[in-house]
Each structure stands twice: as C-alpha cells, then as structure tokens.
Amino acid sequence: MEDKPKVVLVTGAASGMGAATAREFASAGAAVVIVDRNREGAEKVAAEIGASDPIIGDVGESAFCDQAVTQTIERCGRLDVLVNCAGIIVRADAVGTSDHDWRRIMGSNVDGVFFMSRAAIPHMKKQGKGAIINFGSIWGSVGAAGVTAYCATKGAVHQITRAMALDYVRDGIRINAVCPGEVNTPMLASERPKPPSPEDLQKLAEETIPMARLADPVEIARVVVFLASDAASYMTGSMVTVDAGYTAR
C-alpha cells in the first residue's frame, strides 16, 4: 500500500486466504485485527504478525459482529478496511444438503458478510472514507456440481457487494469483492470423503485450470491489499476474478 497505514479487520484470518491477507496487510504497515472462531489458529497468526489479541467468535451472530467492530475501534481509534474472508463449504447437491448444513453455510458465508459490513459502515461514514473487500468466488458467477449451497452463498455475496457499493458510494466507502478460483488452502481439501494427496491436487489443477496449478493464498491476498489501497480509488462494486483463466473459457 502506497498510502498511509490503515487499521484493518480481517475475518477468517486463522488460516488460508484470511491468514495470508492478514500477513500482507501487516507487511504493508497496517494495524491488523484478526477475527475467527479458531482461537488457536488466530492466536498463532496474530503472534506471527505482531497483532493484538484476536477477537474470537462467530460472524454469523450479529451481536458478535457489532462487538468485534466496537472492540477494533476502541483499540485502534478507527476502522479503515474490513475484509470479509470467513467462510465454509458444504460439498453436496441440493438433496444431500441438510437443513442444518444449509443454515450453517448461510450463517457463515452470507450473514457474516452482511452483519460485519452493517456494523462497520456507520463508523466509516463518520470518517468519510473506508473500504470493504468481500470474498466472493468463481462459483458466485458460474455454477458447479456438488456444491449447491456454496454457489448460492457466493452469488449472494456478489449481490451484497454490488448493492452496498451503490448505497454508500457517496459516503466515500468503496466495496468490492475478490473472486478466487482454486486456491491451495485447508478449505480445498475439506469436506471430502477422502483427503486429497498433493498428487491428487496437482491432477485436479492440470485437468481444470488453464495455468495448470493451484493459487497460493498470498496471490489472492495481494489483490485484496490492492483493492483496499488508494491505487484502487476508482473501483467500487467490482467482482475481481483471480482464477488463472478458469472462467475465461
């Protein structure tokens, strides 16, 4: 980031792309506040980057989201950037998706984005400036078999991003989404009958991705940092795809 250091709140920062995003912001000089349900992972990342104690809880609960934003402002005096990275996946078609799993993924992937953003926006309006970056997905724009609920949640994230961007553009708040393709994170291997081996993942990449490799989480994190920076000052309501050409076909 070329502009002045920021206060950045990152949800889902205990692992994967969220952790990579927290590291990239910290490297750029930002004060990073980590939010996650995984206390052990969150504390590890916070210690690694020299961040304050992480805020532990479920972003699917609106009261917790209000509390997380309030705590961030009490600690740091302001909130410049919100990164909504927290998310889960359910690998099932519609018939195979239970009521419990449907509500669980909606709570994490959709409610979390909405509640955190709703909590942050009044503070950003007072400042006259702010940036929110949501984690969408290629599956928010194109369909995929066997992940019905996940596709539905990411489509919702894309529309939340567009609608909120229009609502708050005159308040100096920019709201965009990064839409990753296949990334080498714990989520990629999760919720499968058998954990894939490195060879399995490489075969997946060669068969489905034009670049024939998975993304490293830091490759997505760098795009997030760009979207939060003044270099992206004319961008809002954008879905920024980072997928090695997957959806170009």
C-alpha atoms as a PDB file:
ATOM      1  CA  MET A   1       0.000   0.000   0.000  1.00  0.00           C
ATOM      2  CA  GLU A   2       1.411   3.338  -1.019  1.00  0.00           C
ATOM      3  CA  ASP A   3      -0.952   5.379   1.159  1.00  0.00           C
ATOM      4  CA  LYS A   4      -0.810   5.883   4.931  1.00  0.00           C
ATOM      5  CA  PRO A   5      -1.028   2.875   7.298  1.00  0.00           C
ATOM      6  CA  LYS A   6      -4.530   1.600   7.903  1.00  0.00           C
ATOM      7  CA  VAL A   7      -6.492  -0.208  10.587  1.00  0.00           C
ATOM      8  CA  VAL A   8      -7.691  -3.446   9.017  1.00  0.00           C
ATOM      9  CA  LEU A   9     -10.115  -6.026  10.408  1.00  0.00           C
ATOM     10  CA  VAL A  10      -9.861  -9.454   8.739  1.00  0.00           C
ATOM     11  CA  THR A  11     -12.393 -12.210   9.432  1.00  0.00           C
ATOM     12  CA  GLY A  12     -11.459 -15.841   8.897  1.00  0.00           C
ATOM     13  CA  ALA A  13      -7.813 -14.949   9.432  1.00  0.00           C
ATOM     14  CA  ALA A  14      -6.742 -18.070  11.332  1.00  0.00           C
ATOM     15  CA  SER A  15      -5.782 -19.931   8.147  1.00  0.00           C
ATOM     16  CA  GLY A  16      -5.799 -19.976   4.373  1.00  0.00           C
ATOM     17  CA  MET A  17      -6.502 -16.809   2.435  1.00  0.00           C
ATOM     18  CA  GLY A  18      -7.557 -14.909   5.546  1.00  0.00           C
ATOM     19  CA  ALA A  19      -4.224 -15.580   7.234  1.00  0.00           C
ATOM     20  CA  ALA A  20      -2.351 -14.650   4.058  1.00  0.00           C
ATOM     21  CA  THR A  21      -4.345 -11.420   3.862  1.00  0.00           C
ATOM     22  CA  ALA A  22      -3.531 -10.541   7.473  1.00  0.00           C
ATOM     23  CA  ARG A  23       0.169 -11.146   6.795  1.00  0.00           C
ATOM     24  CA  GLU A  24       0.169  -8.999   3.656  1.00  0.00           C
ATOM     25  CA  PHE A  25      -1.528  -6.070   5.392  1.00  0.00           C
ATOM     26  CA  ALA A  26       0.856  -6.346   8.336  1.00  0.00           C
ATOM     27  CA  SER A  27       3.818  -6.357   5.939  1.00  0.00           C
ATOM     28  CA  ALA A  28       2.421  -3.168   4.401  1.00  0.00           C
ATOM     29  CA  GLY A  29       2.419  -1.483   7.809  1.00  0.00           C
ATOM     30  CA  ALA A  30      -1.253  -1.826   8.697  1.00  0.00           C
ATOM     31  CA  ALA A  31      -2.584  -2.450  12.188  1.00  0.00           C
ATOM     32  CA  VAL A  32      -4.408  -5.766  11.769  1.00  0.00           C
ATOM     33  CA  VAL A  33      -7.213  -7.107  13.946  1.00  0.00           C
ATOM     34  CA  ILE A  34      -7.938 -10.807  13.463  1.00  0.00           C
ATOM     35  CA  VAL A  35     -11.425 -12.264  13.858  1.00  0.00           C
ATOM     36  CA  ASP A  36     -12.034 -16.012  13.786  1.00  0.00           C
ATOM     37  CA  ARG A  37     -13.740 -18.899  15.591  1.00  0.00           C
ATOM     38  CA  ASN A  38     -10.486 -20.860  15.724  1.00  0.00           C
ATOM     39  CA  ARG A  39      -8.713 -19.460  18.775  1.00  0.00           C
ATOM     40  CA  GLU A  40      -5.526 -21.499  18.385  1.00  0.00           C
ATOM     41  CA  GLY A  41      -5.029 -20.613  14.727  1.00  0.00           C
ATOM     42  CA  ALA A  42      -5.989 -16.968  15.239  1.00  0.00           C
ATOM     43  CA  GLU A  43      -3.568 -16.546  18.144  1.00  0.00           C
ATOM     44  CA  LYS A  44      -0.776 -18.139  16.119  1.00  0.00           C
ATOM     45  CA  VAL A  45      -1.257 -15.769  13.181  1.00  0.00           C
ATOM     46  CA  ALA A  46      -1.633 -12.744  15.481  1.00  0.00           C
ATOM     47  CA  ALA A  47       1.644 -13.584  17.251  1.00  0.00           C
ATOM     48  CA  GLU A  48       3.380 -14.109  13.917  1.00  0.00           C
ATOM     49  CA  ILE A  49       2.454 -10.661  12.586  1.00  0.00           C
ATOM     50  CA  GLY A  50       2.645  -8.786  15.881  1.00  0.00           C
ATOM     51  CA  ALA A  51      -1.094  -8.078  16.003  1.00  0.00           C
ATOM     52  CA  SER A  52      -3.184  -7.500  19.114  1.00  0.00           C
ATOM     53  CA  ASP A  53      -5.142 -10.361  20.673  1.00  0.00           C
ATOM     54  CA  PRO A  54      -7.589 -11.814  18.152  1.00  0.00           C
ATOM     55  CA  ILE A  55     -11.315 -11.436  18.634  1.00  0.00           C
ATOM     56  CA  ILE A  56     -12.856 -14.893  18.867  1.00  0.00           C
ATOM     57  CA  GLY A  57     -16.432 -15.632  17.849  1.00  0.00           C
ATOM     58  CA  ASP A  58     -18.934 -16.475  15.129  1.00  0.00           C
ATOM     59  CA  VAL A  59     -19.535 -13.891  12.394  1.00  0.00           C
ATOM     60  CA  GLY A  60     -22.934 -15.467  11.796  1.00  0.00           C
ATOM     61  CA  GLU A  61     -24.105 -13.760  15.011  1.00  0.00           C
ATOM     62  CA  SER A  62     -24.962 -10.096  14.568  1.00  0.00           C
ATOM     63  CA  ALA A  63     -24.205  -9.141  18.181  1.00  0.00           C
ATOM     64  CA  PHE A  64     -20.716 -10.582  17.885  1.00  0.00           C
ATOM     65  CA  CYS A  65     -20.078  -8.604  14.680  1.00  0.00           C
ATOM     66  CA  ASP A  66     -21.145  -5.388  16.398  1.00  0.00           C
ATOM     67  CA  GLN A  67     -18.829  -6.240  19.289  1.00  0.00           C
ATOM     68  CA  ALA A  68     -15.874  -7.030  17.002  1.00  0.00           C
ATOM     69  CA  VAL A  69     -16.137  -3.678  15.217  1.00  0.00           C
ATOM     70  CA  THR A  70     -16.561  -1.804  18.506  1.00  0.00           C
ATOM     71  CA  GLN A  71     -13.516  -3.534  20.019  1.00  0.00           C
ATOM     72  CA  THR A  72     -11.433  -2.726  16.954  1.00  0.00           C
ATOM     73  CA  ILE A  73     -12.270   0.976  17.174  1.00  0.00           C
ATOM     74  CA  GLU A  74     -11.672   1.019  20.939  1.00  0.00           C
ATOM     75  CA  ARG A  75      -8.218  -0.496  20.386  1.00  0.00           C
ATOM     76  CA  CYS A  76      -7.129   1.377  17.289  1.00  0.00           C
ATOM     77  CA  GLY A  77      -9.236   4.534  17.185  1.00  0.00           C
ATOM     78  CA  ARG A  78     -10.711   3.865  13.751  1.00  0.00           C
ATOM     79  CA  LEU A  79     -11.514   1.213  11.146  1.00  0.00           C
ATOM     80  CA  ASP A  80     -10.308   1.822   7.610  1.00  0.00           C
ATOM     81  CA  VAL A  81     -10.642  -1.587   5.965  1.00  0.00           C
ATOM     82  CA  LEU A  82     -12.924  -4.560   6.561  1.00  0.00           C
ATOM     83  CA  VAL A  83     -12.052  -7.852   4.865  1.00  0.00           C
ATOM     84  CA  ASN A  84     -14.851 -10.420   4.993  1.00  0.00           C
ATOM     85  CA  CYS A  85     -12.956 -13.641   4.377  1.00  0.00           C
ATOM     86  CA  ALA A  86     -14.613 -16.042   6.853  1.00  0.00           C
ATOM     87  CA  GLY A  87     -16.371 -18.869   5.080  1.00  0.00           C
ATOM     88  CA  ILE A  88     -17.036 -22.602   4.887  1.00  0.00           C
ATOM     89  CA  ILE A  89     -18.025 -25.088   2.202  1.00  0.00           C
ATOM     90  CA  VAL A  90     -20.608 -27.853   2.052  1.00  0.00           C
ATOM     91  CA  ARG A  91     -19.886 -30.419  -0.645  1.00  0.00           C
ATOM     92  CA  ALA A  92     -23.325 -31.734  -1.562  1.00  0.00           C
ATOM     93  CA  ASP A  93     -26.080 -31.369  -4.111  1.00  0.00           C
ATOM     94  CA  ALA A  94     -29.469 -29.970  -3.048  1.00  0.00           C
ATOM     95  CA  VAL A  95     -30.914 -33.299  -1.903  1.00  0.00           C
ATOM     96  CA  GLY A  96     -27.760 -34.089   0.045  1.00  0.00           C
ATOM     97  CA  THR A  97     -27.744 -30.727   1.858  1.00  0.00           C
ATOM     98  CA  SER A  98     -29.391 -30.943   5.285  1.00  0.00           C
ATOM     99  CA  ASP A  99     -31.300 -28.082   6.873  1.00  0.00           C
ATOM    100  CA  HIS A 100     -28.500 -27.791   9.412  1.00  0.00           C
ATOM    101  CA  ASP A 101     -25.780 -27.501   6.747  1.00  0.00           C
ATOM    102  CA  TRP A 102     -27.821 -25.010   4.708  1.00  0.00           C
ATOM    103  CA  ARG A 103     -28.278 -22.741   7.710  1.00  0.00           C
ATOM    104  CA  ARG A 104     -24.664 -23.228   8.811  1.00  0.00           C
ATOM    105  CA  ILE A 105     -23.169 -22.159   5.473  1.00  0.00           C
ATOM    106  CA  MET A 106     -25.612 -19.283   5.052  1.00  0.00           C
ATOM    107  CA  GLY A 107     -24.732 -18.056   8.532  1.00  0.00           C
ATOM    108  CA  SER A 108     -21.005 -18.061   7.876  1.00  0.00           C
ATOM    109  CA  ASN A 109     -20.816 -17.020   4.244  1.00  0.00           C
ATOM    110  CA  VAL A 110     -23.756 -14.614   3.866  1.00  0.00           C
ATOM    111  CA  ASP A 111     -24.871 -13.450   7.309  1.00  0.00           C
ATOM    112  CA  GLY A 112     -21.244 -12.861   8.321  1.00  0.00           C
ATOM    113  CA  VAL A 113     -20.596 -10.568   5.360  1.00  0.00           C
ATOM    114  CA  PHE A 114     -23.828  -8.662   5.926  1.00  0.00           C
ATOM    115  CA  PHE A 115     -23.535  -8.297   9.721  1.00  0.00           C
ATOM    116  CA  MET A 116     -19.858  -7.292   9.706  1.00  0.00           C
ATOM    117  CA  SER A 117     -20.409  -4.761   6.926  1.00  0.00           C
ATOM    118  CA  ARG A 118     -23.512  -3.334   8.588  1.00  0.00           C
ATOM    119  CA  ALA A 119     -21.543  -2.875  11.802  1.00  0.00           C
ATOM    120  CA  ALA A 120     -18.564  -1.226  10.083  1.00  0.00           C
ATOM    121  CA  ILE A 121     -20.313   1.163   7.708  1.00  0.00           C
ATOM    122  CA  PRO A 122     -21.584   3.761  10.255  1.00  0.00           C
ATOM    123  CA  HIS A 123     -18.028   4.217  11.552  1.00  0.00           C
ATOM    124  CA  MET A 124     -16.613   4.511   8.037  1.00  0.00           C
ATOM    125  CA  LYS A 125     -19.301   7.088   7.185  1.00  0.00           C
ATOM    126  CA  LYS A 126     -18.199   9.230  10.149  1.00  0.00           C
ATOM    127  CA  GLN A 127     -14.624   9.063   8.871  1.00  0.00           C
ATOM    128  CA  GLY A 128     -15.748   9.935   5.351  1.00  0.00           C
ATOM    129  CA  LYS A 129     -13.745   7.051   3.942  1.00  0.00           C
ATOM    130  CA  GLY A 130     -13.420   3.275   4.116  1.00  0.00           C
ATOM    131  CA  ALA A 131     -13.033   0.104   2.107  1.00  0.00           C
ATOM    132  CA  ILE A 132     -14.741  -3.266   2.379  1.00  0.00           C
ATOM    133  CA  ILE A 133     -13.451  -6.282   0.488  1.00  0.00           C
ATOM    134  CA  ASN A 134     -15.672  -9.354   0.439  1.00  0.00           C
ATOM    135  CA  PHE A 135     -14.570 -12.829  -0.524  1.00  0.00           C
ATOM    136  CA  GLY A 136     -16.743 -13.984  -3.376  1.00  0.00           C
ATOM    137  CA  SER A 137     -15.786 -16.864  -5.640  1.00  0.00           C
ATOM    138  CA  ILE A 138     -15.805 -18.025  -9.218  1.00  0.00           C
ATOM    139  CA  TRP A 139     -18.751 -20.139  -8.029  1.00  0.00           C
ATOM    140  CA  GLY A 140     -20.690 -16.948  -7.346  1.00  0.00           C
ATOM    141  CA  SER A 141     -20.734 -16.246 -11.078  1.00  0.00           C
ATOM    142  CA  VAL A 142     -20.743 -19.707 -12.658  1.00  0.00           C
ATOM    143  CA  GLY A 143     -22.268 -22.934 -11.394  1.00  0.00           C
ATOM    144  CA  ALA A 144     -20.616 -26.116 -10.212  1.00  0.00           C
ATOM    145  CA  ALA A 145     -21.974 -29.573  -9.486  1.00  0.00           C
ATOM    146  CA  GLY A 146     -21.949 -30.864  -5.938  1.00  0.00           C
ATOM    147  CA  VAL A 147     -21.702 -27.517  -4.106  1.00  0.00           C
ATOM    148  CA  THR A 148     -25.214 -26.055  -4.412  1.00  0.00           C
ATOM    149  CA  ALA A 149     -25.257 -24.221  -1.094  1.00  0.00           C
ATOM    150  CA  TYR A 150     -21.759 -22.819  -1.554  1.00  0.00           C
ATOM    151  CA  CYS A 151     -22.637 -21.454  -5.004  1.00  0.00           C
ATOM    152  CA  ALA A 152     -25.782 -19.869  -3.571  1.00  0.00           C
ATOM    153  CA  THR A 153     -23.863 -18.141  -0.790  1.00  0.00           C
ATOM    154  CA  LYS A 154     -21.215 -16.720  -3.072  1.00  0.00           C
ATOM    155  CA  GLY A 155     -23.835 -15.453  -5.522  1.00  0.00           C
ATOM    156  CA  ALA A 156     -25.413 -13.674  -2.570  1.00  0.00           C
ATOM    157  CA  VAL A 157     -22.051 -12.168  -1.581  1.00  0.00           C
ATOM    158  CA  HIS A 158     -21.640 -10.765  -5.091  1.00  0.00           C
ATOM    159  CA  GLN A 159     -25.046  -9.109  -4.947  1.00  0.00           C
ATOM    160  CA  ILE A 160     -24.488  -7.761  -1.417  1.00  0.00           C
ATOM    161  CA  THR A 161     -21.247  -6.252  -2.698  1.00  0.00           C
ATOM    162  CA  ARG A 162     -22.908  -4.542  -5.658  1.00  0.00           C
ATOM    163  CA  ALA A 163     -25.929  -3.247  -3.717  1.00  0.00           C
ATOM    164  CA  MET A 164     -23.932  -1.928  -0.752  1.00  0.00           C
ATOM    165  CA  ALA A 165     -21.406  -0.317  -3.087  1.00  0.00           C
ATOM    166  CA  LEU A 166     -24.205   1.731  -4.632  1.00  0.00           C
ATOM    167  CA  ASP A 167     -25.760   2.561  -1.265  1.00  0.00           C
ATOM    168  CA  TYR A 168     -22.572   4.023   0.213  1.00  0.00           C
ATOM    169  CA  VAL A 169     -20.546   5.298  -2.740  1.00  0.00           C
ATOM    170  CA  ARG A 170     -21.347   8.947  -1.885  1.00  0.00           C
ATOM    171  CA  ASP A 171     -20.109   8.356   1.680  1.00  0.00           C
ATOM    172  CA  GLY A 172     -16.574   7.637   0.491  1.00  0.00           C
ATOM    173  CA  ILE A 173     -16.876   3.909   1.127  1.00  0.00           C
ATOM    174  CA  ARG A 174     -15.662   1.559  -1.593  1.00  0.00           C
ATOM    175  CA  ILE A 175     -16.987  -2.017  -1.553  1.00  0.00           C
ATOM    176  CA  ASN A 176     -15.551  -4.682  -3.852  1.00  0.00           C
ATOM    177  CA  ALA A 177     -15.202  -8.453  -3.947  1.00  0.00           C
ATOM    178  CA  VAL A 178     -12.286 -10.683  -4.801  1.00  0.00           C
ATOM    179  CA  CYS A 179     -13.386 -13.879  -6.547  1.00  0.00           C
ATOM    180  CA  PRO A 180     -10.756 -16.617  -6.283  1.00  0.00           C
ATOM    181  CA  GLY A 181     -10.559 -19.792  -8.279  1.00  0.00           C
ATOM    182  CA  GLU A 182      -8.917 -22.918  -6.878  1.00  0.00           C
ATOM    183  CA  VAL A 183      -6.546 -21.986  -4.047  1.00  0.00           C
ATOM    184  CA  ASN A 184      -4.297 -24.276  -2.044  1.00  0.00           C
ATOM    185  CA  THR A 185      -5.985 -23.810   1.345  1.00  0.00           C
ATOM    186  CA  PRO A 186      -7.417 -26.131   4.011  1.00  0.00           C
ATOM    187  CA  MET A 187     -10.904 -25.490   2.589  1.00  0.00           C
ATOM    188  CA  LEU A 188      -9.932 -27.003  -0.756  1.00  0.00           C
ATOM    189  CA  ALA A 189      -9.224 -30.321   0.954  1.00  0.00           C
ATOM    190  CA  SER A 190     -12.076 -30.121   3.475  1.00  0.00           C
ATOM    191  CA  GLU A 191     -15.461 -31.828   3.480  1.00  0.00           C
ATOM    192  CA  ARG A 192     -14.297 -34.586   1.121  1.00  0.00           C
ATOM    193  CA  PRO A 193     -14.781 -38.325   1.735  1.00  0.00           C
ATOM    194  CA  LYS A 194     -11.018 -38.788   1.484  1.00  0.00           C
ATOM    195  CA  PRO A 195      -8.454 -36.004   1.989  1.00  0.00           C
ATOM    196  CA  PRO A 196      -6.724 -35.390  -1.360  1.00  0.00           C
ATOM    197  CA  SER A 197      -2.995 -36.012  -1.623  1.00  0.00           C
ATOM    198  CA  PRO A 198      -0.640 -33.444  -3.183  1.00  0.00           C
ATOM    199  CA  GLU A 199      -0.680 -35.629  -6.292  1.00  0.00           C
ATOM    200  CA  ASP A 200      -4.492 -35.535  -6.355  1.00  0.00           C
ATOM    201  CA  LEU A 201      -4.465 -31.742  -6.121  1.00  0.00           C
ATOM    202  CA  GLN A 202      -1.909 -31.431  -8.896  1.00  0.00           C
ATOM    203  CA  LYS A 203      -4.018 -33.689 -11.104  1.00  0.00           C
ATOM    204  CA  LEU A 204      -7.063 -31.519 -10.340  1.00  0.00           C
ATOM    205  CA  ALA A 205      -5.109 -28.433 -11.347  1.00  0.00           C
ATOM    206  CA  GLU A 206      -3.813 -29.938 -14.582  1.00  0.00           C
ATOM    207  CA  GLU A 207      -7.273 -31.125 -15.594  1.00  0.00           C
ATOM    208  CA  THR A 208      -9.287 -28.000 -14.756  1.00  0.00           C
ATOM    209  CA  ILE A 209      -7.098 -24.879 -14.549  1.00  0.00           C
ATOM    210  CA  PRO A 210      -5.586 -23.198 -17.638  1.00  0.00           C
ATOM    211  CA  MET A 211      -2.376 -22.371 -15.721  1.00  0.00           C
ATOM    212  CA  ALA A 212      -2.282 -25.995 -14.536  1.00  0.00           C
ATOM    213  CA  ARG A 213      -1.596 -25.061 -10.912  1.00  0.00           C
ATOM    214  CA  LEU A 214      -3.409 -24.016  -7.757  1.00  0.00           C
ATOM    215  CA  ALA A 215      -3.093 -20.471  -6.473  1.00  0.00           C
ATOM    216  CA  ASP A 216      -1.020 -19.779  -3.407  1.00  0.00           C
ATOM    217  CA  PRO A 217      -3.122 -17.874  -0.823  1.00  0.00           C
ATOM    218  CA  VAL A 218      -0.748 -14.914  -0.998  1.00  0.00           C
ATOM    219  CA  GLU A 219      -1.630 -14.420  -4.679  1.00  0.00           C
ATOM    220  CA  ILE A 220      -5.201 -13.680  -3.611  1.00  0.00           C
ATOM    221  CA  ALA A 221      -4.134 -11.632  -0.594  1.00  0.00           C
ATOM    222  CA  ARG A 222      -2.128  -9.242  -2.774  1.00  0.00           C
ATOM    223  CA  VAL A 223      -5.260  -8.420  -4.772  1.00  0.00           C
ATOM    224  CA  VAL A 224      -7.144  -7.724  -1.544  1.00  0.00           C
ATOM    225  CA  VAL A 225      -4.441  -5.306  -0.386  1.00  0.00           C
ATOM    226  CA  PHE A 226      -4.608  -3.553  -3.759  1.00  0.00           C
ATOM    227  CA  LEU A 227      -8.397  -3.182  -3.529  1.00  0.00           C
ATOM    228  CA  ALA A 228      -8.020  -1.610  -0.081  1.00  0.00           C
ATOM    229  CA  SER A 229      -5.384   0.869  -1.261  1.00  0.00           C
ATOM    230  CA  ASP A 230      -5.710   4.310  -2.791  1.00  0.00           C
ATOM    231  CA  ALA A 231      -4.418   2.771  -6.015  1.00  0.00           C
ATOM    232  CA  ALA A 232      -7.936   1.309  -6.427  1.00  0.00           C
ATOM    233  CA  SER A 233      -9.652   4.633  -5.697  1.00  0.00           C
ATOM    234  CA  TYR A 234     -11.966   4.444  -8.748  1.00  0.00           C
ATOM    235  CA  MET A 235     -13.141   0.894  -8.060  1.00  0.00           C
ATOM    236  CA  THR A 236     -16.363   0.038  -6.272  1.00  0.00           C
ATOM    237  CA  GLY A 237     -18.997  -2.626  -6.884  1.00  0.00           C
ATOM    238  CA  SER A 238     -16.449  -4.723  -8.764  1.00  0.00           C
ATOM    239  CA  MET A 239     -16.081  -8.502  -8.774  1.00  0.00           C
ATOM    240  CA  VAL A 240     -12.354  -9.057  -9.291  1.00  0.00           C
ATOM    241  CA  THR A 241     -11.730 -12.555 -10.579  1.00  0.00           C
ATOM    242  CA  VAL A 242      -8.401 -14.226  -9.732  1.00  0.00           C
ATOM    243  CA  ASP A 243      -8.690 -17.686 -11.255  1.00  0.00           C
ATOM    244  CA  ALA A 244      -5.821 -18.406 -13.671  1.00  0.00           C
ATOM    245  CA  GLY A 245      -8.193 -18.155 -16.623  1.00  0.00           C
ATOM    246  CA  TYR A 246     -10.761 -20.697 -15.382  1.00  0.00           C
ATOM    247  CA  THR A 247     -13.840 -18.596 -16.175  1.00  0.00           C
ATOM    248  CA  ALA A 248     -12.369 -17.225 -19.416  1.00  0.00           C
ATOM    249  CA  ARG A 249     -13.399 -20.396 -21.191  1.00  0.00           C
END
